[in-house]
Amino acid sequence: MISPQKNLDIQIQDLIDRVKKDPEVDFEKVKKAIEMGGEAHEGQYRKTGDIYFIHPVRVAIKAIDYNLDTITIIASLLHDVIEDTVGKDAKEIISTRIKNNFGENVFDLVNALTKVKENQNLTLYKIIQLGSVDYRVILIKLLDRLDNLSDLKYLPRAKQRRICQETTGVYCEIAQGLGLIEIEEQLKDFVFKHLYPVSHKRIARNLKQFYDERHKAIHQIIQKLQEHIESHLQMSIKPQYLTPQAYLFDRHEIVKILNSISIQTIDTQSCYQVLGAIHTNFRSVPMNIYDYISNPKSNGWRGLSTKVIINGEQIQINIVTEDFHKKNRKGVLALIHEGIYHSENYREFLQLFLDVASDNTRIEDVLRINKTKTIQTMTPAGDVIELRYGATILDFAFMVHTELGLKSAGGVIDNVRYPRSKILEDGMVIKVIKSDSVTTERDWIEDVVMPKSRREILKYVILKQSEKSGS
């Protein structure tokens, strides 16, 4: 059996080897952070019996897997040092050392990740508040939670349940909203196995039975697609099967095993050629064709999506390039690395969780918006505004800018003027009409479906009532 020290040494060496392979990472600074982290956690152990510092090292290794920078790797290594240092003076000393050795950015990340033991909501608030301007703190927290879940079985059952519920209610939703598919799937898998082990085994067994019954029919569907798509356009055509963690939030009866079919092709232009071949040879399902290449989803997903009927079945098909396939699993990170992501969209999403942490919004609102079909609309300037299905012109106005929502008098679509309550459809271009004579009323809530719209309306109404009572 490997000793705790030997196990830690192996992980540290793995981290060092990975850092050396990346010329953009400052090896000397990472090495210094390893020394500081090891010193700060000296004598501390995890419930597993491992030396505590193995946890920050594993989080840093995960950060490298996402091609993150030196600052993020260092912050991953040090994310628990302030929290676990005993005594106020000691905390101030370690904080000063972090600033002096690694700079304010690293300290801000580490400080945001330091738990406020008396207030769990405040801890979450700190993380997301910084995360709305610096995505790295969010990713470190997700990777931290993922690594902590791997040791879940060593904790008391009550604590396991609390951690699992928090993970599903907050961190899985954040990962999904940011398009971090790999992290989301791993989080859900850990939670499902520990929180509902009996259900997990039952669903896994049922899915295996469905696979045994359906895989030949699914193979025939793939063969039909291959026959109608030119061979030089086909890099791969793969079925995407449902896994047990997909049913963590959905306890309905399992009726299928095939989630979708993914077609990888050689380049962006070929995606459209493949789509044309599919629609030429198979009936498409109306209102189910989406172009997320020219207009990526807000969580970073890119590709074409359609639904067609093959062998009497409705089949969801996603068409991507190899590059899209790799980056789609990394969501907004891929877009941020390329410098093409709209940070305002990212902040709007995280604002929902800030409200949850400050008790102004129900977590159900966040869950609901992430589980509901979305539509893409546009401003006259061509900016894409992603909304929940059933959203109105008033919702659109608030998502563009709060002040525009508060002063909205309706909007213009295709040269026709509509009221604030007009329900929008995919692809609409909306020009919001702003009027200073408009007064926001509480009953406007009946005309919105987006949490941000509801929040801003209530905030305005409460403020006005307070001003009246004060006068």
Protein backbone atom coordinates (compact mmCIF):
# COMPACT_ATOMS: atom_id res chain seq x y z
CA MET A 1 0.00 0.00 0.00
CA ILE A 2 1.34 3.45 -0.96
CA SER A 3 2.05 5.76 1.98
CA PRO A 4 0.25 9.15 2.16
CA GLN A 5 3.53 10.99 1.56
CA LYS A 6 4.39 8.83 -1.45
CA ASN A 7 0.90 9.38 -2.87
CA LEU A 8 1.30 13.15 -2.50
CA ASP A 9 4.77 13.06 -4.10
CA ILE A 10 3.35 11.21 -7.12
CA GLN A 11 0.62 13.82 -7.59
CA ILE A 12 3.07 16.73 -7.22
CA GLN A 13 5.40 15.16 -9.79
CA ASP A 14 2.47 14.71 -12.17
CA LEU A 15 1.60 18.40 -11.73
CA ILE A 16 5.22 19.45 -12.33
CA ASP A 17 5.47 17.30 -15.48
CA ARG A 18 2.31 18.84 -16.89
CA VAL A 19 3.44 22.39 -16.11
CA LYS A 20 6.79 21.83 -17.81
CA LYS A 21 5.01 20.84 -21.02
CA ASP A 22 3.22 24.20 -21.20
CA PRO A 23 5.64 27.02 -22.14
CA GLU A 24 3.02 29.65 -21.25
CA VAL A 25 2.91 28.60 -17.58
CA ASP A 26 5.50 30.11 -15.22
CA PHE A 27 7.13 27.00 -13.76
CA GLU A 28 9.10 28.83 -11.05
CA LYS A 29 5.99 30.54 -9.67
CA VAL A 30 4.04 27.28 -9.64
CA LYS A 31 6.94 25.60 -7.86
CA LYS A 32 6.92 28.38 -5.25
CA ALA A 33 3.15 27.93 -4.79
CA ILE A 34 3.64 24.18 -4.26
CA GLU A 35 6.16 24.95 -1.51
CA MET A 36 3.87 27.52 0.16
CA GLY A 37 0.82 25.27 -0.05
CA GLY A 38 2.69 22.28 1.39
CA GLU A 39 3.97 24.41 4.25
CA ALA A 40 0.56 25.98 5.01
CA HIS A 41 -1.20 22.59 5.14
CA GLU A 42 1.58 20.80 7.02
CA GLY A 43 0.15 18.34 9.57
CA GLN A 44 -3.35 18.44 8.05
CA TYR A 45 -5.05 15.30 6.75
CA ARG A 46 -8.21 14.49 4.80
CA LYS A 47 -10.89 12.07 5.96
CA THR A 48 -9.37 9.53 3.56
CA GLY A 49 -6.10 9.53 5.51
CA ASP A 50 -4.29 11.36 2.71
CA ILE A 51 -2.13 14.40 3.42
CA TYR A 52 -4.46 17.38 2.92
CA PHE A 53 -2.33 19.13 0.31
CA ILE A 54 -3.05 16.33 -2.17
CA HIS A 55 -6.47 17.92 -2.71
CA PRO A 56 -5.24 21.36 -3.92
CA VAL A 57 -2.64 19.58 -6.09
CA ARG A 58 -5.35 17.49 -7.78
CA VAL A 59 -7.46 20.63 -8.35
CA ALA A 60 -4.44 22.32 -9.98
CA ILE A 61 -3.93 19.29 -12.25
CA LYS A 62 -7.56 19.56 -13.34
CA ALA A 63 -7.04 23.28 -14.03
CA ILE A 64 -4.15 22.44 -16.36
CA ASP A 65 -6.44 20.07 -18.26
CA TYR A 66 -8.54 23.14 -19.14
CA ASN A 67 -5.49 25.06 -20.43
CA LEU A 68 -5.75 27.64 -17.68
CA ASP A 69 -3.08 30.21 -16.94
CA THR A 70 -0.40 30.49 -14.26
CA ILE A 71 -2.59 32.61 -11.97
CA THR A 72 -5.37 29.99 -11.97
CA ILE A 73 -3.00 27.10 -11.31
CA ILE A 74 -1.41 28.95 -8.39
CA ALA A 75 -4.80 29.94 -6.97
CA SER A 76 -5.90 26.30 -7.24
CA LEU A 77 -2.87 25.24 -5.20
CA LEU A 78 -3.52 27.89 -2.55
CA HIS A 79 -7.33 28.01 -2.53
CA ASP A 80 -7.61 26.59 1.02
CA VAL A 81 -4.56 28.12 2.72
CA ILE A 82 -6.31 31.17 4.26
CA GLU A 83 -9.29 29.11 5.38
CA ASP A 84 -7.16 26.40 7.00
CA THR A 85 -4.60 28.68 8.66
CA VAL A 86 -5.24 28.96 12.41
CA GLY A 87 -5.50 32.37 14.10
CA LYS A 88 -6.27 35.86 12.82
CA ASP A 89 -2.64 36.98 12.79
CA ALA A 90 -1.62 33.85 10.90
CA LYS A 91 -4.35 34.48 8.31
CA GLU A 92 -3.13 38.04 7.81
CA ILE A 93 0.47 36.82 7.43
CA ILE A 94 -0.43 34.18 4.83
CA SER A 95 -2.60 36.73 2.97
CA THR A 96 0.33 39.15 2.82
CA ARG A 97 2.65 36.39 1.61
CA ILE A 98 0.24 35.52 -1.20
CA LYS A 99 0.05 39.15 -2.31
CA ASN A 100 3.81 39.69 -2.14
CA ASN A 101 4.74 36.46 -3.91
CA PHE A 102 1.98 36.10 -6.47
CA GLY A 103 0.13 39.41 -6.76
CA GLU A 104 -3.34 40.82 -6.08
CA ASN A 105 -5.07 38.68 -8.73
CA VAL A 106 -4.09 35.42 -7.04
CA PHE A 107 -5.03 36.81 -3.62
CA ASP A 108 -8.46 37.92 -4.89
CA LEU A 109 -9.14 34.41 -6.22
CA VAL A 110 -7.97 32.70 -3.03
CA ASN A 111 -9.88 35.16 -0.83
CA ALA A 112 -13.09 34.63 -2.83
CA LEU A 113 -12.71 30.86 -2.39
CA THR A 114 -12.19 31.13 1.38
CA LYS A 115 -15.31 29.93 3.19
CA VAL A 116 -17.27 32.20 5.49
CA LYS A 117 -17.98 29.50 8.09
CA GLU A 118 -20.91 31.30 9.70
CA ASN A 119 -22.72 31.95 6.40
CA GLN A 120 -22.77 29.49 3.49
CA ASN A 121 -24.73 31.92 1.31
CA LEU A 122 -22.10 34.60 1.79
CA THR A 123 -19.41 32.13 0.69
CA LEU A 124 -21.34 31.47 -2.52
CA TYR A 125 -21.96 35.18 -2.99
CA LYS A 126 -18.23 35.97 -2.77
CA ILE A 127 -17.35 33.34 -5.36
CA ILE A 128 -19.96 34.36 -7.90
CA GLN A 129 -19.47 38.09 -7.35
CA LEU A 130 -15.82 37.80 -8.40
CA GLY A 131 -16.75 35.16 -10.98
CA SER A 132 -18.96 37.65 -12.80
CA VAL A 133 -15.81 39.59 -13.76
CA ASP A 134 -13.19 36.82 -13.53
CA TYR A 135 -14.40 33.40 -14.70
CA ARG A 136 -11.37 31.64 -13.19
CA VAL A 137 -12.76 31.65 -9.66
CA ILE A 138 -15.90 29.85 -10.84
CA LEU A 139 -13.89 27.15 -12.58
CA ILE A 140 -11.62 26.60 -9.58
CA LYS A 141 -14.68 26.21 -7.36
CA LEU A 142 -16.25 23.69 -9.74
CA LEU A 143 -13.01 21.69 -9.90
CA ASP A 144 -12.68 21.94 -6.11
CA ARG A 145 -16.19 20.57 -5.66
CA LEU A 146 -15.53 17.81 -8.20
CA ASP A 147 -12.42 16.65 -6.36
CA ASN A 148 -14.11 16.84 -2.96
CA LEU A 149 -16.93 14.63 -4.24
CA SER A 150 -14.42 11.88 -5.00
CA ASP A 151 -13.91 11.56 -1.22
CA LEU A 152 -17.61 11.79 -0.38
CA LYS A 153 -17.95 8.24 0.98
CA TYR A 154 -15.69 9.08 3.94
CA LEU A 155 -18.13 11.72 5.28
CA PRO A 156 -21.16 11.21 7.56
CA ARG A 157 -24.37 10.47 5.64
CA ALA A 158 -26.04 13.73 6.68
CA LYS A 159 -23.11 15.76 5.36
CA GLN A 160 -23.07 13.73 2.16
CA ARG A 161 -26.70 14.63 1.52
CA ARG A 162 -26.13 18.34 2.23
CA ILE A 163 -23.14 18.49 -0.12
CA CYS A 164 -24.98 16.56 -2.84
CA GLN A 165 -28.05 18.81 -2.64
CA GLU A 166 -25.92 21.94 -2.82
CA THR A 167 -24.01 20.47 -5.76
CA THR A 168 -27.16 19.73 -7.75
CA GLY A 169 -28.92 22.96 -6.78
CA VAL A 170 -26.05 25.29 -7.57
CA TYR A 171 -22.85 23.88 -9.04
CA CYS A 172 -24.36 21.50 -11.61
CA GLU A 173 -26.56 24.36 -12.80
CA ILE A 174 -23.63 26.75 -13.12
CA ALA A 175 -21.63 24.13 -15.04
CA GLN A 176 -24.58 23.51 -17.37
CA GLY A 177 -25.23 27.22 -17.94
CA LEU A 178 -21.59 27.80 -18.83
CA GLY A 179 -21.48 24.80 -21.15
CA LEU A 180 -18.91 22.91 -19.05
CA ILE A 181 -20.38 19.56 -20.07
CA GLU A 182 -17.53 17.38 -18.79
CA ILE A 183 -17.65 18.94 -15.33
CA GLU A 184 -21.47 18.88 -15.21
CA GLU A 185 -21.62 15.19 -16.13
CA GLN A 186 -18.98 14.22 -13.57
CA LEU A 187 -20.67 16.23 -10.81
CA LYS A 188 -24.05 14.65 -11.53
CA ASP A 189 -22.57 11.16 -11.72
CA PHE A 190 -20.90 11.47 -8.30
CA VAL A 191 -24.05 12.95 -6.75
CA PHE A 192 -26.46 10.41 -8.21
CA LYS A 193 -24.36 7.45 -7.09
CA HIS A 194 -24.10 8.73 -3.51
CA LEU A 195 -27.42 10.49 -2.98
CA TYR A 196 -29.64 7.89 -4.66
CA PRO A 197 -27.55 4.71 -5.02
CA VAL A 198 -30.57 2.40 -5.41
CA SER A 199 -32.15 4.59 -8.13
CA HIS A 200 -28.81 4.92 -9.89
CA LYS A 201 -28.42 1.13 -10.13
CA ARG A 202 -32.02 0.68 -11.25
CA ILE A 203 -31.76 3.29 -14.00
CA ALA A 204 -28.38 1.95 -15.15
CA ARG A 205 -29.95 -1.52 -15.38
CA ASN A 206 -32.98 -0.22 -17.30
CA LEU A 207 -30.79 1.72 -19.74
CA LYS A 208 -28.70 -1.39 -20.36
CA GLN A 209 -31.91 -3.30 -21.15
CA PHE A 210 -33.02 -0.56 -23.55
CA TYR A 211 -29.63 -0.66 -25.25
CA ASP A 212 -29.85 -4.41 -25.73
CA GLU A 213 -33.29 -4.01 -27.30
CA ARG A 214 -32.56 -0.94 -29.44
CA HIS A 215 -28.92 -0.96 -30.57
CA LYS A 216 -29.62 -2.87 -33.82
CA ALA A 217 -32.37 -0.43 -34.83
CA ILE A 218 -30.11 2.52 -33.96
CA HIS A 219 -27.33 1.01 -36.06
CA GLN A 220 -29.74 0.82 -39.02
CA ILE A 221 -30.57 4.52 -38.59
CA ILE A 222 -26.87 5.38 -38.68
CA GLN A 223 -26.39 3.24 -41.80
CA LYS A 224 -29.19 5.17 -43.56
CA LEU A 225 -27.51 8.46 -42.70
CA GLN A 226 -24.17 7.18 -44.00
CA GLU A 227 -25.79 6.17 -47.29
CA HIS A 228 -27.10 9.69 -47.91
CA ILE A 229 -24.07 11.74 -46.86
CA GLU A 230 -21.06 11.89 -49.18
CA SER A 231 -18.23 9.83 -47.70
CA HIS A 232 -15.65 12.64 -47.82
CA LEU A 233 -17.88 14.73 -45.51
CA GLN A 234 -18.12 11.99 -42.86
CA MET A 235 -15.48 12.05 -40.14
CA SER A 236 -17.74 10.16 -37.77
CA ILE A 237 -21.42 9.44 -37.16
CA LYS A 238 -21.96 8.40 -33.55
CA PRO A 239 -25.02 7.74 -31.41
CA GLN A 240 -25.09 9.68 -28.13
CA TYR A 241 -26.66 7.40 -25.55
CA LEU A 242 -28.38 8.52 -22.38
CA THR A 243 -26.50 7.79 -19.15
CA PRO A 244 -27.91 7.37 -15.61
CA GLN A 245 -26.86 10.87 -14.51
CA ALA A 246 -29.18 12.33 -17.17
CA TYR A 247 -32.07 11.16 -14.95
CA LEU A 248 -30.82 12.79 -11.75
CA PHE A 249 -33.41 15.58 -12.08
CA ASP A 250 -35.94 13.64 -14.14
CA ARG A 251 -37.61 10.65 -12.52
CA HIS A 252 -40.03 9.99 -15.36
CA GLU A 253 -40.32 6.53 -16.83
CA ILE A 254 -37.39 5.71 -19.10
CA VAL A 255 -38.67 5.32 -22.65
CA LYS A 256 -35.52 5.69 -24.77
CA ILE A 257 -31.78 5.10 -24.82
CA LEU A 258 -30.78 7.28 -27.80
CA ASN A 259 -30.33 10.94 -26.90
CA SER A 260 -29.08 12.18 -30.29
CA ILE A 261 -26.77 11.39 -33.18
CA SER A 262 -23.58 13.43 -33.57
CA ILE A 263 -22.11 13.91 -37.02
CA GLN A 264 -18.57 15.25 -37.23
CA THR A 265 -17.47 16.69 -40.53
CA ILE A 266 -14.32 18.33 -41.90
CA ASP A 267 -15.05 22.06 -41.67
CA THR A 268 -17.76 24.66 -41.11
CA GLN A 269 -18.90 24.73 -44.74
CA SER A 270 -19.26 20.96 -44.70
CA CYS A 271 -21.66 21.23 -41.73
CA TYR A 272 -24.12 23.05 -43.98
CA GLN A 273 -23.58 20.54 -46.79
CA VAL A 274 -24.34 17.67 -44.41
CA LEU A 275 -27.48 19.46 -43.20
CA GLY A 276 -28.59 19.90 -46.82
CA ALA A 277 -28.05 16.21 -47.58
CA ILE A 278 -30.05 15.16 -44.52
CA HIS A 279 -32.98 17.47 -45.28
CA THR A 280 -32.98 16.40 -48.93
CA ASN A 281 -33.36 12.73 -48.03
CA PHE A 282 -35.35 12.78 -44.77
CA ARG A 283 -38.41 14.68 -43.57
CA SER A 284 -37.50 17.36 -41.07
CA VAL A 285 -39.58 18.06 -37.98
CA PRO A 286 -40.91 21.66 -38.24
CA MET A 287 -39.43 24.36 -35.97
CA ASN A 288 -36.46 22.20 -34.99
CA ILE A 289 -33.64 23.55 -37.16
CA TYR A 290 -31.06 25.68 -35.36
CA ASP A 291 -27.88 27.36 -36.59
CA TYR A 292 -25.54 27.69 -33.61
CA ILE A 293 -22.50 28.24 -35.82
CA SER A 294 -23.32 31.81 -36.82
CA ASN A 295 -25.05 32.38 -33.46
CA PRO A 296 -23.45 30.21 -30.72
CA LYS A 297 -25.55 29.34 -27.69
CA SER A 298 -24.96 31.54 -24.67
CA ASN A 299 -23.09 28.66 -23.01
CA GLY A 300 -20.68 28.42 -25.95
CA TRP A 301 -22.11 25.44 -27.89
CA ARG A 302 -21.53 25.65 -31.65
CA GLY A 303 -22.85 23.52 -34.48
CA LEU A 304 -26.06 22.83 -36.41
CA SER A 305 -29.02 21.08 -34.82
CA THR A 306 -32.00 19.49 -36.51
CA LYS A 307 -34.63 16.81 -35.98
CA VAL A 308 -35.65 14.44 -38.77
CA ILE A 309 -37.76 11.32 -39.19
CA ILE A 310 -35.82 8.13 -39.98
CA ASN A 311 -37.45 4.71 -40.00
CA GLY A 312 -40.56 6.26 -38.47
CA GLU A 313 -38.66 7.81 -35.51
CA GLN A 314 -37.89 11.43 -34.69
CA ILE A 315 -34.11 11.67 -34.39
CA GLN A 316 -32.18 14.64 -32.97
CA ILE A 317 -29.03 15.27 -35.05
CA ASN A 318 -26.15 17.59 -34.14
CA ILE A 319 -23.63 18.47 -36.86
CA VAL A 320 -20.23 19.75 -35.75
CA THR A 321 -16.62 19.99 -36.84
CA GLU A 322 -13.96 18.14 -34.87
CA ASP A 323 -12.86 21.48 -33.42
CA PHE A 324 -16.43 22.36 -32.36
CA HIS A 325 -16.82 18.92 -30.74
CA LYS A 326 -13.76 19.44 -28.53
CA LYS A 327 -14.61 23.01 -27.61
CA ASN A 328 -18.33 22.39 -27.00
CA ARG A 329 -17.45 20.32 -23.95
CA LYS A 330 -15.53 23.28 -22.54
CA GLY A 331 -18.33 25.80 -23.11
CA VAL A 332 -17.59 29.44 -22.41
CA LEU A 333 -13.95 28.65 -21.67
CA ALA A 334 -13.35 27.91 -25.35
CA LEU A 335 -14.95 31.20 -26.38
CA ILE A 336 -13.13 33.16 -23.68
CA HIS A 337 -9.78 31.70 -24.79
CA GLU A 338 -10.59 32.85 -28.34
CA GLY A 339 -11.66 36.29 -27.13
CA ILE A 340 -15.07 36.11 -28.83
CA TYR A 341 -17.38 35.58 -25.88
CA HIS A 342 -19.82 38.32 -24.82
CA SER A 343 -18.95 38.78 -21.16
CA GLU A 344 -22.25 40.56 -20.53
CA ASN A 345 -24.17 37.35 -21.30
CA TYR A 346 -21.92 35.51 -18.87
CA ARG A 347 -22.51 38.07 -16.10
CA GLU A 348 -26.28 37.99 -16.65
CA PHE A 349 -26.30 34.23 -16.11
CA LEU A 350 -24.23 34.45 -12.93
CA GLN A 351 -26.39 37.31 -11.63
CA LEU A 352 -29.16 34.75 -11.10
CA PHE A 353 -26.97 32.90 -8.63
CA LEU A 354 -25.89 36.12 -6.94
CA ASP A 355 -29.57 36.72 -6.25
CA VAL A 356 -29.97 33.20 -4.87
CA ALA A 357 -27.01 33.77 -2.55
CA SER A 358 -28.51 37.05 -1.34
CA ASP A 359 -32.00 35.50 -0.97
CA ASN A 360 -33.65 37.69 -3.60
CA THR A 361 -34.40 34.91 -6.08
CA ARG A 362 -35.59 31.35 -5.63
CA ILE A 363 -33.27 28.60 -6.79
CA GLU A 364 -36.32 27.20 -8.65
CA ASP A 365 -36.17 30.20 -10.99
CA VAL A 366 -32.61 29.36 -11.92
CA LEU A 367 -33.41 25.68 -12.40
CA ARG A 368 -36.47 26.50 -14.46
CA ILE A 369 -34.70 28.77 -16.92
CA ASN A 370 -31.95 26.21 -17.49
CA LYS A 371 -34.38 23.34 -18.10
CA THR A 372 -36.60 25.23 -20.51
CA LYS A 373 -36.32 25.49 -24.27
CA THR A 374 -34.58 28.69 -25.34
CA ILE A 375 -34.94 30.98 -28.34
CA GLN A 376 -32.46 33.35 -29.94
CA THR A 377 -33.56 36.89 -30.80
CA MET A 378 -31.57 39.86 -32.05
CA THR A 379 -31.21 43.59 -31.61
CA PRO A 380 -31.23 45.76 -34.75
CA ALA A 381 -27.41 45.93 -34.42
CA GLY A 382 -27.19 42.13 -34.68
CA ASP A 383 -26.47 41.27 -31.03
CA VAL A 384 -27.97 37.90 -30.07
CA ILE A 385 -30.23 37.86 -26.99
CA GLU A 386 -31.03 34.35 -25.75
CA LEU A 387 -34.37 34.05 -23.95
CA ARG A 388 -36.54 31.42 -22.36
CA TYR A 389 -39.36 30.05 -24.52
CA GLY A 390 -42.44 32.25 -23.95
CA ALA A 391 -40.42 35.43 -23.34
CA THR A 392 -41.89 38.79 -24.31
CA ILE A 393 -40.70 42.12 -25.67
CA LEU A 394 -40.49 43.27 -22.05
CA ASP A 395 -38.16 40.35 -21.22
CA PHE A 396 -36.06 41.21 -24.25
CA ALA A 397 -35.80 44.84 -23.14
CA PHE A 398 -34.61 43.89 -19.65
CA MET A 399 -32.03 41.48 -21.05
CA VAL A 400 -30.62 44.25 -23.26
CA HIS A 401 -30.45 46.74 -20.38
CA THR A 402 -32.36 47.23 -17.12
CA GLU A 403 -33.14 50.88 -17.85
CA LEU A 404 -34.54 49.93 -21.24
CA GLY A 405 -36.86 47.42 -19.57
CA LEU A 406 -38.07 49.91 -16.96
CA LYS A 407 -38.93 52.42 -19.69
CA SER A 408 -40.22 49.97 -22.30
CA ALA A 409 -43.36 51.02 -24.18
CA GLY A 410 -43.37 48.02 -26.51
CA GLY A 411 -41.35 47.22 -29.58
CA VAL A 412 -41.16 47.05 -33.35
CA ILE A 413 -40.83 43.74 -35.24
CA ASP A 414 -40.79 43.72 -39.06
CA ASN A 415 -41.99 47.34 -39.09
CA VAL A 416 -45.03 46.48 -36.95
CA ARG A 417 -45.44 47.92 -33.47
CA TYR A 418 -46.37 45.52 -30.66
CA PRO A 419 -47.12 45.90 -26.92
CA ARG A 420 -44.67 44.87 -24.17
CA SER A 421 -46.53 41.56 -23.70
CA LYS A 422 -45.89 40.33 -27.26
CA ILE A 423 -44.47 36.78 -27.06
CA LEU A 424 -41.34 36.40 -29.16
CA GLU A 425 -40.26 33.67 -31.55
CA ASP A 426 -36.90 32.33 -32.65
CA GLY A 427 -35.00 34.65 -35.00
CA MET A 428 -37.05 37.81 -34.41
CA VAL A 429 -35.29 41.17 -34.61
CA ILE A 430 -36.74 43.54 -32.02
CA LYS A 431 -36.37 47.29 -31.66
CA VAL A 432 -37.54 48.31 -28.19
CA ILE A 433 -39.49 51.56 -27.90
CA LYS A 434 -38.34 53.57 -24.90
CA SER A 435 -40.50 56.26 -23.30
CA ASP A 436 -39.66 58.43 -20.28
CA SER A 437 -43.38 58.78 -19.56
CA VAL A 438 -43.71 55.05 -18.85
CA THR A 439 -44.02 54.01 -15.18
CA THR A 440 -43.11 50.47 -14.17
CA GLU A 441 -45.95 48.74 -12.33
CA ARG A 442 -46.03 45.54 -10.23
CA ASP A 443 -48.49 43.87 -12.63
CA TRP A 444 -45.76 43.94 -15.32
CA ILE A 445 -44.58 40.69 -13.70
CA GLU A 446 -47.49 38.96 -15.46
CA ASP A 447 -45.87 39.81 -18.81
CA VAL A 448 -42.41 38.33 -18.15
CA VAL A 449 -40.88 34.87 -17.77
CA MET A 450 -37.20 35.70 -17.26
CA PRO A 451 -35.91 35.83 -13.65
CA LYS A 452 -33.96 39.00 -14.35
CA SER A 453 -37.10 40.79 -15.56
CA ARG A 454 -39.05 39.72 -12.47
CA ARG A 455 -36.20 40.76 -10.18
CA GLU A 456 -35.77 44.22 -11.71
CA ILE A 457 -39.51 44.95 -11.70
CA LEU A 458 -39.83 44.00 -8.02
CA LYS A 459 -36.70 45.92 -7.10
CA TYR A 460 -38.03 49.07 -8.78
CA VAL A 461 -41.52 48.78 -7.24
CA ILE A 462 -40.14 48.18 -3.73
CA LEU A 463 -37.76 51.14 -4.09
CA LYS A 464 -40.60 53.46 -5.14
CA GLN A 465 -42.80 52.27 -2.27
CA SER A 466 -39.93 52.89 0.15
CA GLU A 467 -39.40 56.39 -1.20
CA LYS A 468 -43.10 57.16 -0.81
CA SER A 469 -43.27 55.88 2.79
CA GLY A 470 -40.07 57.79 3.61
CA SER A 471 -41.51 61.03 2.37
